[in-house]
Amino acid sequence: MHNRNHRNMIKDLSSFFPMQELNKHIY
């Protein structure tokens, strides 16, 4: 899987989207 890449993407997105929105996209 792409765990490392995913984590990096999440960090970048976290700056743009709020945590709640991020969770919705991830799950």
C-alpha atoms as a PDB file:
ATOM      1  CA  MET A   1       0.000   0.000   0.000  1.00  0.00           C
ATOM      2  CA  HIS A   2       0.980   3.674  -0.054  1.00  0.00           C
ATOM      3  CA  ASN A   3       1.172   4.504   3.626  1.00  0.00           C
ATOM      4  CA  ARG A   4       4.094   6.907   3.342  1.00  0.00           C
ATOM      5  CA  ASN A   5       2.588   8.775   0.427  1.00  0.00           C
ATOM      6  CA  HIS A   6      -0.799   8.844   2.079  1.00  0.00           C
ATOM      7  CA  ARG A   7       0.639  10.378   5.229  1.00  0.00           C
ATOM      8  CA  ASN A   8       2.366  13.089   3.221  1.00  0.00           C
ATOM      9  CA  MET A   9      -0.816  13.837   1.320  1.00  0.00           C
ATOM     10  CA  ILE A  10      -2.784  14.047   4.555  1.00  0.00           C
ATOM     11  CA  LYS A  11      -0.297  16.536   5.963  1.00  0.00           C
ATOM     12  CA  ASP A  12      -0.603  18.713   2.862  1.00  0.00           C
ATOM     13  CA  LEU A  13      -4.383  18.449   2.835  1.00  0.00           C
ATOM     14  CA  SER A  14      -4.603  19.101   6.562  1.00  0.00           C
ATOM     15  CA  SER A  15      -3.359  22.616   5.781  1.00  0.00           C
ATOM     16  CA  PHE A  16      -6.134  23.149   3.234  1.00  0.00           C
ATOM     17  CA  PHE A  17      -9.039  21.118   4.630  1.00  0.00           C
ATOM     18  CA  PRO A  18     -10.147  20.832   8.255  1.00  0.00           C
ATOM     19  CA  MET A  19      -9.667  17.598  10.154  1.00  0.00           C
ATOM     20  CA  GLN A  20     -13.328  16.613   9.928  1.00  0.00           C
ATOM     21  CA  GLU A  21     -13.416  17.075   6.167  1.00  0.00           C
ATOM     22  CA  LEU A  22     -10.184  15.145   5.835  1.00  0.00           C
ATOM     23  CA  ASN A  23     -11.571  12.218   7.799  1.00  0.00           C
ATOM     24  CA  LYS A  24     -14.581  12.074   5.521  1.00  0.00           C
ATOM     25  CA  HIS A  25     -12.352  11.928   2.448  1.00  0.00           C
ATOM     26  CA  ILE A  26     -10.006   9.327   3.904  1.00  0.00           C
ATOM     27  CA  TYR A  27     -12.769   7.025   5.133  1.00  0.00           C
END
